[in-house]
N, C-alpha and C. Protein backbone atom coordinates (compact mmCIF):
# COMPACT_ATOMS: atom_id res chain seq x y z
N MET A 1 0.82 -1.21 0.00
CA MET A 1 0.00 0.00 0.00
C MET A 1 0.86 1.26 0.00
N GLY A 2 2.13 1.16 -0.35
CA GLY A 2 2.99 2.33 -0.34
C GLY A 2 3.01 3.00 -1.70
N GLY A 3 3.63 4.16 -1.76
CA GLY A 3 3.87 4.84 -3.02
C GLY A 3 2.65 5.46 -3.66
N ARG A 4 1.62 5.76 -2.91
CA ARG A 4 0.45 6.42 -3.48
C ARG A 4 0.19 7.71 -2.71
N SER A 5 -0.73 8.49 -3.18
CA SER A 5 -1.10 9.72 -2.48
C SER A 5 -2.29 9.43 -1.57
N TYR A 6 -2.31 10.08 -0.43
CA TYR A 6 -3.40 9.90 0.51
C TYR A 6 -4.00 11.25 0.87
N MET A 7 -5.32 11.28 1.00
CA MET A 7 -6.03 12.46 1.39
C MET A 7 -7.04 12.09 2.48
N LEU A 8 -7.20 12.96 3.46
CA LEU A 8 -8.20 12.78 4.51
C LEU A 8 -8.97 14.07 4.65
N ALA A 9 -10.27 13.95 4.94
CA ALA A 9 -11.08 15.15 5.12
C ALA A 9 -12.23 14.87 6.07
N THR A 10 -12.57 15.88 6.86
CA THR A 10 -13.74 15.79 7.72
C THR A 10 -14.26 17.17 8.03
N ARG A 11 -15.54 17.22 8.37
CA ARG A 11 -16.16 18.42 8.95
C ARG A 11 -17.03 17.94 10.09
N MET A 12 -16.59 18.18 11.31
CA MET A 12 -17.21 17.61 12.50
C MET A 12 -17.75 18.74 13.39
N PRO A 13 -19.07 18.82 13.61
CA PRO A 13 -19.62 19.88 14.46
C PRO A 13 -18.94 19.89 15.83
N MET A 14 -18.43 21.07 16.21
CA MET A 14 -17.64 21.15 17.44
C MET A 14 -17.54 22.61 17.87
N SER A 15 -17.64 22.86 19.15
CA SER A 15 -17.47 24.21 19.67
C SER A 15 -15.99 24.61 19.64
N ARG A 16 -15.75 25.90 19.79
CA ARG A 16 -14.37 26.35 19.87
C ARG A 16 -13.67 25.73 21.08
N GLU A 17 -14.38 25.64 22.18
CA GLU A 17 -13.81 25.03 23.37
C GLU A 17 -13.46 23.56 23.12
N GLY A 18 -14.36 22.87 22.44
CA GLY A 18 -14.09 21.48 22.12
C GLY A 18 -12.90 21.33 21.19
N PHE A 19 -12.81 22.21 20.20
CA PHE A 19 -11.69 22.19 19.26
C PHE A 19 -10.36 22.38 19.99
N ASP A 20 -10.30 23.35 20.88
CA ASP A 20 -9.07 23.59 21.64
C ASP A 20 -8.75 22.40 22.54
N GLY A 21 -9.80 21.77 23.10
CA GLY A 21 -9.57 20.59 23.92
C GLY A 21 -9.00 19.45 23.11
N TRP A 22 -9.53 19.25 21.89
CA TRP A 22 -9.01 18.20 21.01
C TRP A 22 -7.57 18.46 20.62
N LEU A 23 -7.24 19.71 20.29
CA LEU A 23 -5.86 20.03 19.90
C LEU A 23 -4.86 19.65 20.99
N ALA A 24 -5.27 19.77 22.24
CA ALA A 24 -4.35 19.55 23.36
C ALA A 24 -4.37 18.13 23.90
N ALA A 25 -5.31 17.31 23.45
CA ALA A 25 -5.48 15.97 24.01
C ALA A 25 -4.52 14.97 23.37
N PRO A 26 -4.07 13.97 24.12
CA PRO A 26 -3.24 12.92 23.52
C PRO A 26 -4.05 12.08 22.54
N LEU A 27 -3.38 11.50 21.57
CA LEU A 27 -4.06 10.60 20.65
C LEU A 27 -4.54 9.35 21.39
N PRO A 28 -5.67 8.79 20.98
CA PRO A 28 -6.10 7.53 21.59
C PRO A 28 -5.24 6.37 21.09
N ASP A 29 -5.29 5.25 21.79
CA ASP A 29 -4.59 4.07 21.31
C ASP A 29 -5.50 3.29 20.37
N LEU A 30 -5.03 2.16 19.89
CA LEU A 30 -5.80 1.39 18.91
C LEU A 30 -7.14 0.91 19.45
N GLY A 31 -7.29 0.90 20.76
CA GLY A 31 -8.54 0.46 21.34
C GLY A 31 -9.73 1.33 20.96
N VAL A 32 -9.48 2.53 20.47
CA VAL A 32 -10.57 3.41 20.05
C VAL A 32 -11.26 2.89 18.79
N LEU A 33 -10.58 2.02 18.04
CA LEU A 33 -11.11 1.51 16.78
C LEU A 33 -11.84 0.20 17.00
N ALA A 34 -13.11 0.16 16.64
CA ALA A 34 -13.92 -1.04 16.83
C ALA A 34 -13.51 -2.16 15.89
N ASN A 35 -13.02 -1.81 14.69
CA ASN A 35 -12.67 -2.81 13.67
C ASN A 35 -11.41 -2.40 12.92
N PRO A 36 -10.27 -2.31 13.57
CA PRO A 36 -9.06 -1.82 12.92
C PRO A 36 -8.63 -2.65 11.72
N GLY A 37 -9.00 -3.92 11.68
CA GLY A 37 -8.62 -4.76 10.55
C GLY A 37 -9.36 -4.45 9.28
N GLU A 38 -10.40 -3.61 9.33
CA GLU A 38 -11.19 -3.29 8.14
C GLU A 38 -10.81 -1.94 7.53
N LEU A 39 -9.63 -1.47 7.86
CA LEU A 39 -9.15 -0.18 7.35
C LEU A 39 -9.28 -0.06 5.84
N TRP A 40 -8.89 -1.11 5.10
CA TRP A 40 -8.86 -1.03 3.64
C TRP A 40 -10.12 -1.61 3.00
N HIS A 41 -11.14 -1.92 3.78
CA HIS A 41 -12.37 -2.47 3.22
C HIS A 41 -12.96 -1.52 2.19
N GLY A 42 -13.22 -2.03 1.00
CA GLY A 42 -13.78 -1.20 -0.06
C GLY A 42 -12.76 -0.59 -0.98
N TRP A 43 -11.47 -0.78 -0.66
CA TRP A 43 -10.41 -0.22 -1.50
C TRP A 43 -10.03 -1.21 -2.61
N ALA A 44 -9.25 -0.70 -3.57
CA ALA A 44 -8.75 -1.56 -4.64
C ALA A 44 -7.90 -2.69 -4.07
N ALA A 45 -7.24 -2.42 -2.95
CA ALA A 45 -6.39 -3.42 -2.30
C ALA A 45 -7.12 -4.10 -1.15
N GLU A 46 -8.43 -4.20 -1.23
CA GLU A 46 -9.19 -4.83 -0.16
C GLU A 46 -8.64 -6.22 0.12
N GLY A 47 -8.55 -6.56 1.38
CA GLY A 47 -7.97 -7.83 1.76
C GLY A 47 -6.58 -7.68 2.34
N ALA A 48 -5.94 -6.52 2.08
CA ALA A 48 -4.64 -6.25 2.67
C ALA A 48 -4.79 -6.09 4.18
N THR A 49 -3.77 -6.51 4.90
CA THR A 49 -3.80 -6.40 6.36
C THR A 49 -3.17 -5.09 6.79
N PRO A 50 -3.92 -4.21 7.46
CA PRO A 50 -3.33 -2.94 7.88
C PRO A 50 -2.25 -3.17 8.94
N ASP A 51 -1.14 -2.48 8.78
CA ASP A 51 0.02 -2.70 9.65
C ASP A 51 0.03 -1.70 10.80
N TRP A 52 -0.98 -1.78 11.66
CA TRP A 52 -1.07 -0.85 12.79
C TRP A 52 0.12 -1.00 13.74
N GLU A 53 0.65 -2.21 13.86
CA GLU A 53 1.73 -2.47 14.82
C GLU A 53 3.12 -2.23 14.21
N LEU A 54 3.18 -1.79 12.95
CA LEU A 54 4.43 -1.42 12.28
C LEU A 54 5.38 -2.61 12.13
N THR A 55 4.83 -3.80 12.03
CA THR A 55 5.67 -4.99 11.95
C THR A 55 6.50 -5.05 10.68
N ALA A 56 5.98 -4.49 9.59
CA ALA A 56 6.72 -4.52 8.33
C ALA A 56 7.97 -3.65 8.38
N LEU A 57 8.06 -2.80 9.39
CA LEU A 57 9.21 -1.90 9.52
C LEU A 57 10.20 -2.39 10.58
N ALA A 58 10.10 -3.65 10.95
CA ALA A 58 10.97 -4.18 12.01
C ALA A 58 12.44 -4.01 11.67
N GLY A 59 12.78 -4.03 10.39
CA GLY A 59 14.17 -3.86 9.98
C GLY A 59 14.62 -2.42 9.98
N SER A 60 13.72 -1.47 10.27
CA SER A 60 14.07 -0.04 10.30
C SER A 60 13.67 0.52 11.67
N PRO A 61 14.43 0.20 12.70
CA PRO A 61 14.04 0.62 14.05
C PRO A 61 13.90 2.13 14.23
N ALA A 62 14.70 2.91 13.50
CA ALA A 62 14.59 4.36 13.62
C ALA A 62 13.24 4.84 13.11
N ALA A 63 12.76 4.24 12.02
CA ALA A 63 11.45 4.62 11.47
C ALA A 63 10.34 4.24 12.45
N VAL A 64 10.44 3.06 13.06
CA VAL A 64 9.44 2.63 14.03
C VAL A 64 9.41 3.58 15.22
N THR A 65 10.60 3.95 15.70
CA THR A 65 10.68 4.87 16.85
C THR A 65 10.02 6.20 16.52
N SER A 66 10.28 6.72 15.31
CA SER A 66 9.71 8.00 14.91
C SER A 66 8.18 7.92 14.80
N LEU A 67 7.69 6.85 14.20
CA LEU A 67 6.25 6.70 14.03
C LEU A 67 5.54 6.50 15.37
N ARG A 68 6.15 5.74 16.25
CA ARG A 68 5.54 5.55 17.57
C ARG A 68 5.57 6.87 18.36
N ALA A 69 6.62 7.66 18.17
CA ALA A 69 6.68 8.96 18.84
C ALA A 69 5.56 9.87 18.36
N ASP A 70 5.24 9.81 17.05
CA ASP A 70 4.15 10.62 16.52
C ASP A 70 2.83 10.29 17.22
N ARG A 71 2.64 9.03 17.57
CA ARG A 71 1.39 8.62 18.21
C ARG A 71 1.30 9.09 19.66
N THR A 72 2.38 9.62 20.19
CA THR A 72 2.35 10.17 21.55
C THR A 72 2.17 11.69 21.52
N ARG A 73 2.13 12.28 20.34
CA ARG A 73 1.99 13.72 20.23
C ARG A 73 0.51 14.12 20.25
N THR A 74 0.26 15.39 20.43
CA THR A 74 -1.10 15.90 20.39
C THR A 74 -1.45 16.30 18.95
N PRO A 75 -2.75 16.44 18.63
CA PRO A 75 -3.12 16.95 17.32
C PRO A 75 -2.46 18.29 17.01
N LEU A 76 -2.33 19.16 18.00
CA LEU A 76 -1.70 20.45 17.77
C LEU A 76 -0.26 20.26 17.29
N GLU A 77 0.48 19.38 17.93
CA GLU A 77 1.86 19.14 17.53
C GLU A 77 1.94 18.52 16.14
N LEU A 78 1.09 17.54 15.88
CA LEU A 78 1.13 16.87 14.58
C LEU A 78 0.73 17.81 13.45
N LEU A 79 -0.33 18.59 13.66
CA LEU A 79 -0.81 19.48 12.60
C LEU A 79 0.16 20.63 12.35
N ALA A 80 0.78 21.14 13.41
CA ALA A 80 1.77 22.21 13.22
C ALA A 80 2.96 21.71 12.42
N ALA A 81 3.41 20.49 12.70
CA ALA A 81 4.53 19.92 11.95
C ALA A 81 4.14 19.71 10.49
N ARG A 82 2.92 19.24 10.25
CA ARG A 82 2.44 19.06 8.88
C ARG A 82 2.36 20.40 8.15
N ALA A 83 1.81 21.39 8.84
CA ALA A 83 1.58 22.69 8.21
C ALA A 83 2.88 23.34 7.76
N ALA A 84 3.97 23.01 8.43
CA ALA A 84 5.27 23.55 8.02
C ALA A 84 5.66 23.07 6.63
N GLN A 85 5.08 21.95 6.20
CA GLN A 85 5.36 21.40 4.87
C GLN A 85 4.31 21.79 3.84
N GLY A 86 3.24 22.49 4.28
CA GLY A 86 2.18 22.91 3.37
C GLY A 86 1.07 21.89 3.25
N PHE A 87 0.11 22.18 2.36
CA PHE A 87 -0.99 21.29 2.00
C PHE A 87 -1.72 20.73 3.22
N THR A 88 -2.05 21.64 4.15
CA THR A 88 -2.75 21.26 5.37
C THR A 88 -3.85 22.27 5.66
N LEU A 89 -5.10 21.82 5.70
CA LEU A 89 -6.21 22.63 6.18
C LEU A 89 -6.58 22.07 7.54
N ALA A 90 -6.47 22.89 8.57
CA ALA A 90 -6.83 22.47 9.93
C ALA A 90 -7.31 23.71 10.66
N ARG A 91 -8.61 23.76 10.95
CA ARG A 91 -9.14 24.99 11.54
C ARG A 91 -10.47 24.71 12.24
N HIS A 92 -10.87 25.66 13.09
CA HIS A 92 -12.23 25.71 13.60
C HIS A 92 -12.95 26.75 12.76
N HIS A 93 -14.04 26.33 12.09
CA HIS A 93 -14.68 27.20 11.12
C HIS A 93 -16.19 26.96 11.14
N ASP A 94 -16.96 28.04 11.34
CA ASP A 94 -18.42 27.95 11.33
C ASP A 94 -18.94 26.82 12.22
N GLY A 95 -18.43 26.76 13.44
CA GLY A 95 -18.93 25.81 14.41
C GLY A 95 -18.52 24.37 14.18
N ALA A 96 -17.38 24.17 13.52
CA ALA A 96 -16.96 22.80 13.24
C ALA A 96 -15.44 22.68 13.17
N LEU A 97 -14.97 21.50 13.49
CA LEU A 97 -13.59 21.11 13.19
C LEU A 97 -13.54 20.78 11.70
N GLU A 98 -12.66 21.44 10.97
CA GLU A 98 -12.46 21.13 9.56
C GLU A 98 -11.01 20.71 9.35
N VAL A 99 -10.84 19.57 8.70
CA VAL A 99 -9.51 19.06 8.38
C VAL A 99 -9.53 18.55 6.96
N TYR A 100 -8.48 18.89 6.22
CA TYR A 100 -8.29 18.36 4.86
C TYR A 100 -6.78 18.23 4.68
N LEU A 101 -6.30 17.01 4.57
CA LEU A 101 -4.87 16.74 4.53
C LEU A 101 -4.52 16.03 3.23
N TYR A 102 -3.35 16.34 2.70
CA TYR A 102 -2.90 15.74 1.44
C TYR A 102 -1.43 15.36 1.56
N ASP A 103 -1.14 14.11 1.25
CA ASP A 103 0.24 13.62 1.24
C ASP A 103 0.52 13.01 -0.11
N TYR A 104 1.42 13.63 -0.87
CA TYR A 104 1.73 13.17 -2.22
C TYR A 104 2.76 12.04 -2.16
N HIS A 105 2.41 10.93 -2.76
CA HIS A 105 3.29 9.75 -2.80
C HIS A 105 3.84 9.43 -1.42
N ALA A 106 2.93 9.26 -0.46
CA ALA A 106 3.33 9.01 0.92
C ALA A 106 3.21 7.54 1.27
N HIS A 107 3.86 7.14 2.36
CA HIS A 107 3.63 5.81 2.89
C HIS A 107 2.34 5.83 3.71
N THR A 108 1.84 4.67 4.02
CA THR A 108 0.56 4.60 4.71
C THR A 108 0.65 4.97 6.18
N TYR A 109 1.83 4.92 6.77
CA TYR A 109 1.92 5.00 8.22
C TYR A 109 1.52 6.36 8.77
N GLY A 110 1.83 7.42 8.05
CA GLY A 110 1.37 8.73 8.47
C GLY A 110 -0.14 8.83 8.44
N THR A 111 -0.75 8.17 7.46
CA THR A 111 -2.21 8.16 7.38
C THR A 111 -2.82 7.42 8.56
N LEU A 112 -2.19 6.34 9.00
CA LEU A 112 -2.68 5.62 10.17
C LEU A 112 -2.68 6.54 11.39
N THR A 113 -1.61 7.30 11.56
CA THR A 113 -1.55 8.24 12.69
C THR A 113 -2.62 9.30 12.58
N ASP A 114 -2.83 9.83 11.37
CA ASP A 114 -3.87 10.85 11.17
C ASP A 114 -5.25 10.30 11.49
N LEU A 115 -5.51 9.04 11.14
CA LEU A 115 -6.81 8.45 11.44
C LEU A 115 -7.00 8.29 12.94
N LEU A 116 -5.96 7.91 13.66
CA LEU A 116 -6.06 7.85 15.11
C LEU A 116 -6.31 9.24 15.69
N MET A 117 -5.62 10.24 15.14
CA MET A 117 -5.80 11.61 15.60
C MET A 117 -7.27 12.04 15.47
N LEU A 118 -7.88 11.72 14.35
CA LEU A 118 -9.26 12.14 14.13
C LEU A 118 -10.25 11.22 14.86
N ALA A 119 -9.87 9.98 15.09
CA ALA A 119 -10.73 9.09 15.87
C ALA A 119 -10.89 9.61 17.29
N GLY A 120 -9.91 10.36 17.76
CA GLY A 120 -9.99 10.92 19.11
C GLY A 120 -10.77 12.20 19.21
N ALA A 121 -11.28 12.70 18.08
CA ALA A 121 -12.00 13.98 18.10
C ALA A 121 -13.45 13.85 18.53
N GLY A 122 -14.00 12.62 18.45
CA GLY A 122 -15.43 12.46 18.73
C GLY A 122 -15.84 12.85 20.14
N ARG A 123 -14.96 12.66 21.10
CA ARG A 123 -15.34 13.00 22.49
C ARG A 123 -15.48 14.50 22.69
N PHE A 124 -14.99 15.30 21.73
CA PHE A 124 -15.09 16.76 21.82
C PHE A 124 -16.17 17.33 20.90
N ALA A 125 -16.89 16.45 20.17
CA ALA A 125 -17.90 16.89 19.22
C ALA A 125 -19.13 17.42 19.94
N ASP A 126 -19.98 18.12 19.18
CA ASP A 126 -21.16 18.76 19.75
C ASP A 126 -22.33 17.82 19.96
N ASP A 127 -22.37 16.71 19.24
CA ASP A 127 -23.51 15.80 19.40
C ASP A 127 -23.03 14.36 19.36
N ASP A 128 -23.97 13.45 19.54
CA ASP A 128 -23.63 12.03 19.61
C ASP A 128 -23.62 11.33 18.26
N ALA A 129 -24.00 12.03 17.21
CA ALA A 129 -24.02 11.41 15.89
C ALA A 129 -22.61 11.10 15.42
N GLU A 130 -22.43 9.96 14.75
CA GLU A 130 -21.13 9.62 14.21
C GLU A 130 -20.75 10.59 13.08
N ALA A 131 -19.54 11.08 13.12
CA ALA A 131 -19.07 12.02 12.09
C ALA A 131 -18.16 11.28 11.12
N PRO A 132 -18.37 11.44 9.81
CA PRO A 132 -17.54 10.73 8.84
C PRO A 132 -16.21 11.42 8.59
N VAL A 133 -15.16 10.62 8.59
CA VAL A 133 -13.83 11.05 8.13
C VAL A 133 -13.55 10.25 6.88
N VAL A 134 -13.47 10.90 5.74
CA VAL A 134 -13.24 10.18 4.49
C VAL A 134 -11.74 10.14 4.22
N TYR A 135 -11.26 8.99 3.78
CA TYR A 135 -9.85 8.86 3.41
C TYR A 135 -9.79 8.08 2.11
N TRP A 136 -8.92 8.50 1.23
CA TRP A 136 -8.85 7.89 -0.09
C TRP A 136 -7.47 8.11 -0.66
N GLY A 137 -7.18 7.44 -1.76
CA GLY A 137 -5.84 7.56 -2.31
C GLY A 137 -5.73 7.07 -3.73
N GLY A 138 -4.55 7.26 -4.28
CA GLY A 138 -4.25 6.78 -5.63
C GLY A 138 -4.28 7.86 -6.68
N ASP A 139 -4.97 8.97 -6.42
CA ASP A 139 -5.06 10.05 -7.39
C ASP A 139 -3.95 11.06 -7.14
N VAL A 140 -3.39 11.61 -8.21
CA VAL A 140 -2.36 12.62 -8.06
C VAL A 140 -2.97 13.94 -7.61
N HIS A 141 -4.14 14.27 -8.15
CA HIS A 141 -4.78 15.54 -7.83
C HIS A 141 -5.45 15.47 -6.47
N PRO A 142 -5.23 16.46 -5.59
CA PRO A 142 -5.77 16.40 -4.23
C PRO A 142 -7.21 16.87 -4.11
N GLY A 143 -8.09 16.29 -4.89
CA GLY A 143 -9.51 16.64 -4.79
C GLY A 143 -10.32 15.43 -4.41
N LEU A 144 -11.55 15.67 -3.92
CA LEU A 144 -12.43 14.56 -3.58
C LEU A 144 -12.72 13.71 -4.81
N PRO A 145 -12.97 12.42 -4.62
CA PRO A 145 -13.38 11.58 -5.75
C PRO A 145 -14.65 12.14 -6.38
N PHE A 146 -14.86 11.81 -7.64
CA PHE A 146 -15.99 12.37 -8.37
C PHE A 146 -17.26 11.54 -8.23
N ASP A 147 -17.14 10.27 -7.90
CA ASP A 147 -18.33 9.43 -7.83
C ASP A 147 -18.08 8.28 -6.87
N GLY A 148 -19.15 7.53 -6.60
CA GLY A 148 -19.08 6.46 -5.63
C GLY A 148 -18.25 5.27 -6.07
N GLY A 149 -17.79 5.25 -7.32
CA GLY A 149 -16.96 4.14 -7.77
C GLY A 149 -15.49 4.36 -7.49
N SER A 150 -15.13 5.46 -6.88
CA SER A 150 -13.74 5.76 -6.60
C SER A 150 -13.24 4.99 -5.38
N VAL A 151 -11.92 4.94 -5.24
CA VAL A 151 -11.30 4.29 -4.08
C VAL A 151 -11.61 5.13 -2.86
N LEU A 152 -12.45 4.60 -1.99
CA LEU A 152 -13.02 5.45 -0.94
C LEU A 152 -13.46 4.62 0.25
N SER A 153 -13.13 5.06 1.44
CA SER A 153 -13.65 4.47 2.66
C SER A 153 -13.86 5.57 3.68
N VAL A 154 -14.55 5.23 4.75
CA VAL A 154 -14.92 6.23 5.75
C VAL A 154 -14.65 5.68 7.15
N LEU A 155 -14.12 6.53 8.00
CA LEU A 155 -14.03 6.26 9.42
C LEU A 155 -15.14 7.03 10.10
N LEU A 156 -16.07 6.32 10.74
CA LEU A 156 -17.17 6.95 11.46
C LEU A 156 -16.75 7.16 12.90
N VAL A 157 -16.69 8.42 13.33
CA VAL A 157 -16.16 8.78 14.63
C VAL A 157 -17.30 9.09 15.59
N GLY A 158 -17.40 8.32 16.65
CA GLY A 158 -18.40 8.56 17.67
C GLY A 158 -17.77 9.11 18.94
N ARG A 159 -18.58 9.20 19.98
CA ARG A 159 -18.12 9.78 21.24
C ARG A 159 -16.99 8.96 21.87
N THR A 160 -17.13 7.66 21.86
CA THR A 160 -16.18 6.81 22.58
C THR A 160 -15.41 5.84 21.70
N SER A 161 -15.82 5.70 20.47
CA SER A 161 -15.13 4.78 19.57
C SER A 161 -15.34 5.21 18.12
N ALA A 162 -14.61 4.56 17.23
CA ALA A 162 -14.72 4.85 15.80
C ALA A 162 -14.69 3.52 15.04
N ARG A 163 -15.29 3.52 13.85
CA ARG A 163 -15.34 2.28 13.08
C ARG A 163 -15.22 2.59 11.60
N PHE A 164 -14.61 1.66 10.87
CA PHE A 164 -14.45 1.81 9.44
C PHE A 164 -15.65 1.24 8.71
N THR A 165 -16.04 1.89 7.60
CA THR A 165 -17.14 1.40 6.77
C THR A 165 -16.88 1.78 5.32
N ALA A 166 -17.36 0.94 4.42
CA ALA A 166 -17.30 1.26 2.99
C ALA A 166 -18.71 1.41 2.44
N ALA A 167 -19.67 1.67 3.31
CA ALA A 167 -21.07 1.72 2.90
C ALA A 167 -21.71 3.06 3.24
N TYR A 168 -20.96 4.12 3.17
CA TYR A 168 -21.50 5.44 3.49
C TYR A 168 -21.92 6.14 2.20
N SER A 169 -23.01 6.88 2.25
CA SER A 169 -23.54 7.54 1.06
C SER A 169 -22.54 8.53 0.49
N PHE A 170 -22.14 8.33 -0.75
CA PHE A 170 -21.18 9.24 -1.36
C PHE A 170 -21.79 10.63 -1.53
N ALA A 171 -23.05 10.70 -1.90
CA ALA A 171 -23.69 12.00 -2.10
C ALA A 171 -23.67 12.81 -0.81
N ALA A 172 -23.93 12.16 0.31
CA ALA A 172 -23.92 12.86 1.60
C ALA A 172 -22.52 13.34 1.95
N LEU A 173 -21.52 12.51 1.65
CA LEU A 173 -20.14 12.91 1.90
C LEU A 173 -19.77 14.14 1.07
N ALA A 174 -20.11 14.10 -0.21
CA ALA A 174 -19.75 15.20 -1.09
C ALA A 174 -20.38 16.51 -0.64
N GLU A 175 -21.66 16.45 -0.27
CA GLU A 175 -22.35 17.66 0.18
C GLU A 175 -21.69 18.23 1.44
N ARG A 176 -21.28 17.35 2.31
CA ARG A 176 -20.69 17.77 3.58
C ARG A 176 -19.27 18.35 3.39
N LEU A 177 -18.52 17.77 2.46
CA LEU A 177 -17.09 18.07 2.38
C LEU A 177 -16.66 18.97 1.22
N ARG A 178 -17.53 19.19 0.23
CA ARG A 178 -17.13 20.04 -0.90
C ARG A 178 -16.66 21.42 -0.46
N PRO A 179 -17.34 22.09 0.49
CA PRO A 179 -16.84 23.41 0.90
C PRO A 179 -15.44 23.36 1.52
N VAL A 180 -15.14 22.28 2.25
CA VAL A 180 -13.80 22.14 2.82
C VAL A 180 -12.79 21.91 1.71
N GLU A 181 -13.16 21.08 0.73
CA GLU A 181 -12.30 20.85 -0.42
C GLU A 181 -12.02 22.15 -1.17
N GLU A 182 -13.06 22.95 -1.38
CA GLU A 182 -12.89 24.21 -2.11
C GLU A 182 -11.92 25.14 -1.39
N ALA A 183 -12.02 25.18 -0.06
CA ALA A 183 -11.10 26.03 0.71
C ALA A 183 -9.67 25.51 0.58
N PHE A 184 -9.51 24.19 0.64
CA PHE A 184 -8.18 23.60 0.50
C PHE A 184 -7.58 23.91 -0.87
N LEU A 185 -8.34 23.63 -1.92
CA LEU A 185 -7.82 23.85 -3.27
C LEU A 185 -7.58 25.33 -3.54
N GLY A 186 -8.38 26.20 -2.89
CA GLY A 186 -8.18 27.63 -3.06
C GLY A 186 -6.89 28.14 -2.46
N ALA A 187 -6.31 27.35 -1.55
CA ALA A 187 -5.04 27.76 -0.92
C ALA A 187 -3.82 27.32 -1.72
N VAL A 188 -4.04 26.51 -2.76
CA VAL A 188 -2.92 26.08 -3.61
C VAL A 188 -2.57 27.19 -4.58
N VAL A 189 -1.33 27.61 -4.55
CA VAL A 189 -0.86 28.70 -5.41
C VAL A 189 -0.25 28.10 -6.67
N ASP A 190 -0.72 28.55 -7.83
CA ASP A 190 -0.26 28.07 -9.13
C ASP A 190 -0.42 26.55 -9.22
N PRO A 191 -1.65 26.06 -9.12
CA PRO A 191 -1.86 24.61 -9.12
C PRO A 191 -1.43 23.92 -10.39
N ASP A 192 -1.35 24.66 -11.50
CA ASP A 192 -0.95 24.05 -12.77
C ASP A 192 0.55 24.13 -13.00
N GLY A 193 1.27 24.72 -12.08
CA GLY A 193 2.72 24.81 -12.22
C GLY A 193 3.41 23.51 -11.84
N GLU A 194 4.71 23.47 -12.09
CA GLU A 194 5.46 22.25 -11.79
C GLU A 194 5.67 22.07 -10.29
N ASP A 195 5.68 23.15 -9.54
CA ASP A 195 5.92 23.07 -8.10
C ASP A 195 4.99 24.03 -7.37
N PRO A 196 3.70 23.64 -7.22
CA PRO A 196 2.72 24.55 -6.59
C PRO A 196 3.13 24.89 -5.16
N SER A 197 2.84 26.11 -4.76
CA SER A 197 3.11 26.52 -3.39
C SER A 197 1.79 26.62 -2.64
N TRP A 198 1.84 27.17 -1.42
CA TRP A 198 0.71 27.04 -0.51
C TRP A 198 0.54 28.31 0.29
N ASP A 199 -0.70 28.82 0.35
CA ASP A 199 -1.03 30.00 1.14
C ASP A 199 -1.97 29.56 2.25
N SER A 200 -1.47 29.53 3.47
CA SER A 200 -2.24 28.99 4.58
C SER A 200 -3.09 30.03 5.31
N ALA A 201 -3.14 31.25 4.81
CA ALA A 201 -3.77 32.35 5.55
C ALA A 201 -5.21 32.03 5.97
N GLU A 202 -5.99 31.39 5.10
CA GLU A 202 -7.41 31.16 5.37
C GLU A 202 -7.71 29.75 5.85
N VAL A 203 -6.73 28.87 5.84
CA VAL A 203 -7.04 27.46 6.10
C VAL A 203 -6.33 26.89 7.33
N LEU A 204 -5.54 27.71 8.00
CA LEU A 204 -4.82 27.23 9.18
C LEU A 204 -5.30 28.00 10.40
N ASP A 205 -5.79 27.29 11.38
CA ASP A 205 -6.29 27.93 12.59
C ASP A 205 -5.17 28.69 13.29
N PRO A 206 -5.47 29.85 13.88
CA PRO A 206 -4.42 30.61 14.59
C PRO A 206 -3.69 29.80 15.66
N ALA A 207 -4.41 28.91 16.34
CA ALA A 207 -3.76 28.09 17.37
C ALA A 207 -2.72 27.16 16.76
N VAL A 208 -3.00 26.65 15.57
CA VAL A 208 -2.04 25.79 14.88
C VAL A 208 -0.91 26.62 14.30
N ARG A 209 -1.28 27.74 13.67
CA ARG A 209 -0.27 28.60 13.05
C ARG A 209 0.79 29.05 14.05
N ALA A 210 0.37 29.31 15.28
CA ALA A 210 1.29 29.80 16.29
C ALA A 210 2.35 28.76 16.65
N ARG A 211 2.09 27.48 16.34
CA ARG A 211 3.02 26.42 16.68
C ARG A 211 3.82 25.91 15.49
N VAL A 212 3.59 26.46 14.31
CA VAL A 212 4.31 25.99 13.14
C VAL A 212 5.79 26.34 13.27
N PRO A 213 6.68 25.38 13.13
CA PRO A 213 8.12 25.68 13.25
C PRO A 213 8.55 26.69 12.19
N ALA A 214 9.42 27.59 12.59
CA ALA A 214 9.95 28.57 11.64
C ALA A 214 10.84 27.88 10.62
N ALA A 215 10.83 28.42 9.40
CA ALA A 215 11.68 27.85 8.35
C ALA A 215 13.14 27.96 8.74
N GLY A 216 13.88 26.88 8.54
CA GLY A 216 15.28 26.88 8.93
C GLY A 216 16.19 27.53 7.93
């Protein structure tokens, strides 16, 4: 499952107080996931075993140490580090947590950490309804899939647990997430150029922006 692009997006109703609480909270452990083995259900590679325990990296102890360290960080720390590299929408906007992340030709392990990060957001949400986090990959362009036949799965985040499903209404997802996608794509500078840049002014929450490491 390596060597592809991954994108994650959600819009989860949440107060500003809840958003700040989520930013500061530790990531949950794997116990928050009701069905971690179904991560890739509905994907082109359905049947693959998700490597939550990083066993495939046993020969690279430094990589394992780094990835396990990421799982001990807070969302604020993870998002600030991501934002330093660009292509990160993370904000409290119109009464909701909005996240839209894009990793070009990335390994899956960062995506696993991001899913755990968002699985922990449900306890800070405004209501008890499960909130969908859509994750997908394989496309070079960082936009939502165009139809329900695309490589697509959803993590449904509840108050105390989260679960993977490949049976969520695509139309409902698109309606919920298109405005977040539009904001993300609007922050890409010269998208048709060979090396697009990124303007985070409208898509990065001030709390996250304040923690972004300065360019070296």
